[in-house]
Protein backbone atom coordinates (compact mmCIF):
# COMPACT_ATOMS: atom_id res chain seq x y z
CA MET A 1 -14.73 -16.23 -18.74
CA PHE A 2 -17.13 -15.84 -15.82
CA SER A 3 -20.04 -13.64 -16.78
CA HIS A 4 -21.33 -11.27 -14.15
CA ASN A 5 -22.56 -7.73 -14.57
CA LEU A 6 -23.80 -5.42 -11.86
CA ASN A 7 -24.93 -1.84 -11.89
CA GLY A 8 -24.87 0.38 -8.84
CA VAL A 9 -23.14 3.22 -7.06
CA ALA A 10 -19.36 3.32 -6.64
CA SER A 11 -17.50 5.38 -4.07
CA TRP A 12 -13.80 5.80 -3.46
CA TYR A 13 -11.62 5.68 -0.40
CA GLY A 14 -8.18 6.75 0.71
CA GLY A 15 -7.21 9.12 3.50
CA LYS A 16 -7.07 7.29 6.82
CA PHE A 17 -6.97 3.89 5.06
CA VAL A 18 -3.63 4.53 3.30
CA GLY A 19 -0.97 2.27 4.79
CA ARG A 20 -3.50 0.11 6.64
CA GLN A 21 -3.97 -3.58 6.04
CA THR A 22 -6.71 -4.56 3.60
CA ALA A 23 -8.97 -7.56 4.18
CA ASN A 24 -6.69 -9.81 2.09
CA GLY A 25 -3.64 -8.78 4.12
CA GLU A 26 -2.04 -6.31 1.69
CA ILE A 27 -1.16 -2.77 2.69
CA PHE A 28 -3.61 -0.33 1.10
CA ASP A 29 -2.06 1.93 -1.53
CA THR A 30 -4.52 4.40 -3.03
CA ASN A 31 -2.21 4.84 -6.04
CA LYS A 32 -2.86 1.27 -7.23
CA SER A 33 -5.92 0.13 -9.17
CA THR A 34 -7.64 -1.80 -6.41
CA ALA A 35 -11.11 -1.92 -4.91
CA ALA A 36 -13.26 -3.23 -2.10
CA HIS A 37 -16.26 -5.44 -2.80
CA LYS A 38 -18.48 -7.24 -0.29
CA THR A 39 -18.45 -10.73 -1.82
CA LEU A 40 -16.20 -11.13 -4.88
CA PRO A 41 -13.15 -13.31 -4.24
CA PHE A 42 -9.89 -11.49 -3.64
CA ASN A 43 -7.81 -10.95 -6.80
CA THR A 44 -10.90 -10.86 -9.04
CA ILE A 45 -10.32 -8.37 -11.89
CA VAL A 46 -13.32 -6.12 -12.51
CA GLU A 47 -13.87 -3.55 -15.25
CA VAL A 48 -15.69 -0.55 -13.81
CA THR A 49 -17.50 1.79 -16.21
CA ASN A 50 -18.74 5.20 -15.15
CA LEU A 51 -22.20 5.22 -16.75
CA ASP A 52 -22.27 9.03 -16.94
CA THR A 53 -18.90 9.52 -18.68
CA GLY A 54 -18.30 6.14 -20.34
CA LYS A 55 -14.80 6.06 -18.83
CA LYS A 56 -13.50 2.64 -17.75
CA THR A 57 -10.88 1.25 -15.42
CA ARG A 58 -9.83 -2.20 -14.32
CA VAL A 59 -9.34 -2.96 -10.64
CA ARG A 60 -8.27 -5.93 -8.56
CA ILE A 61 -10.40 -6.76 -5.52
CA ASN A 62 -8.23 -6.76 -2.39
CA ASP A 63 -10.55 -5.44 0.32
CA ARG A 64 -14.08 -5.75 1.72
CA GLY A 65 -16.71 -3.04 1.53
CA PRO A 66 -18.24 -0.62 0.87
CA PHE A 67 -20.12 -0.51 4.13
CA VAL A 68 -22.56 2.20 3.03
CA GLU A 69 -25.98 0.95 1.99
CA GLY A 70 -26.65 1.05 -1.74
CA ARG A 71 -23.01 1.08 -2.84
CA VAL A 72 -21.56 -1.82 -4.82
CA ILE A 73 -17.83 -1.07 -4.93
CA ASP A 74 -15.27 1.15 -3.21
CA LEU A 75 -12.44 2.23 -5.52
CA SER A 76 -8.91 3.36 -4.79
CA GLN A 77 -8.19 7.01 -5.56
CA LYS A 78 -6.30 5.99 -8.73
CA ALA A 79 -9.27 4.00 -10.05
CA ALA A 80 -11.69 6.79 -9.14
CA THR A 81 -9.47 9.27 -11.00
CA ASP A 82 -9.42 6.96 -14.04
CA ILE A 83 -13.22 7.16 -14.36
CA ASP A 84 -13.49 10.85 -13.37
CA MET A 85 -15.40 10.54 -10.10
CA ILE A 86 -13.02 12.18 -7.60
CA LYS A 87 -14.95 15.45 -7.30
CA SER A 88 -18.40 13.86 -7.11
CA GLY A 89 -17.25 11.17 -4.66
CA THR A 90 -19.67 8.65 -6.11
CA ALA A 91 -20.76 7.55 -9.57
CA ASN A 92 -23.29 5.27 -11.19
CA VAL A 93 -21.25 2.38 -12.53
CA SER A 94 -21.43 -0.93 -14.27
CA LEU A 95 -19.16 -3.75 -13.09
CA GLU A 96 -18.03 -6.55 -15.34
CA ILE A 97 -15.94 -9.42 -14.06
CA ILE A 98 -12.96 -9.88 -16.36
CA GLU A 99 -11.03 -12.58 -14.52
CA MET A 100 -11.71 -14.76 -11.49
CA PRO A 101 -8.84 -16.12 -9.41
CA THR A 102 -7.99 -19.81 -9.40
CA PRO A 103 -9.80 -21.36 -6.46
CA PRO A 104 -7.49 -21.82 -3.48
CA GLN A 105 -6.46 -25.31 -2.46
CA VAL A 106 -6.23 -24.37 1.22
CA MET A 107 -8.26 -22.25 3.57
CA ASP A 108 -8.00 -20.91 7.08
CA ILE A 109 -10.63 -21.64 9.69
CA GLN A 110 -11.13 -19.00 12.35
CA VAL A 111 -12.28 -20.96 15.37
CA ALA A 112 -12.78 -18.05 17.75
CA ALA A 113 -12.01 -14.38 18.36
CA TYR A 114 -11.60 -12.91 21.82
CA SER A 115 -10.80 -9.58 23.39
CA ASN A 116 -9.71 -11.56 26.48
CA LEU A 117 -6.27 -13.13 25.90
CA THR A 118 -6.85 -15.78 28.59
CA TYR A 119 -9.87 -17.09 26.70
CA ALA A 120 -7.84 -17.19 23.48
CA SER A 121 -5.03 -19.12 25.20
CA THR A 122 -7.53 -21.58 26.67
CA MET A 123 -9.09 -22.20 23.25
CA LYS A 124 -5.67 -22.64 21.65
CA LYS A 125 -4.71 -25.24 24.27
CA ARG A 126 -8.06 -27.03 23.84
CA LEU A 127 -7.46 -27.28 20.09
CA MET A 128 -3.88 -28.50 20.61
CA ASP A 129 -5.15 -31.17 23.02
CA ALA A 130 -7.55 -32.31 20.27
CA GLY A 131 -4.67 -32.76 17.81
CA PHE A 132 -4.94 -29.49 15.90
CA THR A 133 -2.12 -27.01 15.21
CA PRO A 134 -3.76 -23.65 15.92
CA LYS A 135 -2.19 -20.25 15.49
CA THR A 136 -3.19 -16.94 17.02
CA SER A 137 -3.01 -13.44 15.64
CA MET A 138 -3.88 -10.06 17.08
CA SER A 139 -5.99 -7.61 15.09
CA ASN A 140 -5.21 -3.90 15.16
CA LYS A 141 -8.29 -3.52 17.40
CA GLY A 142 -6.94 -5.87 20.05
CA ILE A 143 -8.95 -8.94 19.09
CA MET A 144 -7.07 -12.24 19.38
CA ARG A 145 -8.05 -14.64 16.61
CA VAL A 146 -7.60 -18.38 17.06
CA MET A 147 -7.08 -19.99 13.64
CA LEU A 148 -6.49 -23.33 12.02
CA PRO A 149 -4.33 -22.22 9.08
CA ASP A 150 -3.62 -23.98 5.79
CA VAL A 151 -6.50 -26.45 5.95
CA PRO A 152 -6.67 -28.44 2.69
CA ILE A 153 -10.07 -27.96 1.07
CA ASN A 154 -10.57 -31.72 0.79
CA LYS A 155 -10.11 -32.04 4.60
CA SER A 156 -12.23 -29.05 5.62
CA PHE A 157 -15.53 -30.94 6.03
CA GLU A 158 -14.11 -33.47 8.48
CA ILE A 159 -12.30 -30.73 10.44
CA VAL A 160 -15.46 -28.62 10.72
CA LYS A 161 -17.36 -31.73 11.82
CA LYS A 162 -14.76 -32.43 14.53
CA LEU A 163 -14.94 -28.81 15.72
CA GLU A 164 -18.74 -29.06 15.91
CA GLU A 165 -18.42 -32.29 17.92
CA MET A 166 -16.24 -30.29 20.34
CA GLY A 167 -19.06 -27.75 20.67
CA ILE A 168 -17.29 -25.18 18.50
CA ASP A 169 -19.79 -24.15 15.86
CA ASN A 170 -19.37 -20.40 15.42
CA ILE A 171 -16.48 -20.68 12.98
CA LEU A 172 -15.48 -18.53 10.04
CA ILE A 173 -14.06 -20.06 6.86
CA ILE A 174 -11.50 -17.80 5.20
CA HIS A 175 -10.91 -18.73 1.57
CA ARG A 176 -7.63 -17.60 0.15
CA GLY A 177 -7.25 -16.17 -3.29
């Protein structure tokens, strides 16, 4: 078992986020025991203990956040209810990692993101001309992402090196899992 403990402030979220896509691609359901964390891999299982009440809950990380300084985890409404922090909105908590996901064998490489669709199309063609098989996707904010999907981990270094040789060095590696 991976040992990692962290104390800090938890908050909870719901409302306008219900039904929206989480950072790992799932649809957010505040009635499930899930949470947002800034860095833990998706599908990590974390035991959250409310330090004031001693109540505990287990959550699965499926989103990124919280984006409020000083907070360590954002819980679904169900998880917040489990540890009795709905009324207060926040609680001092301890986090313990219970289970880490198996490392993914593939990753996605985001090569670029544009609000201008012409730029995205040009980049996609440039990558195709270089022998890549890029895909594009549109975010809900109108940003077109140009991706190299399903890159085997053991090939990622040489692909990143080739992208850098093409002058493309502002990439984002998206680990799955």
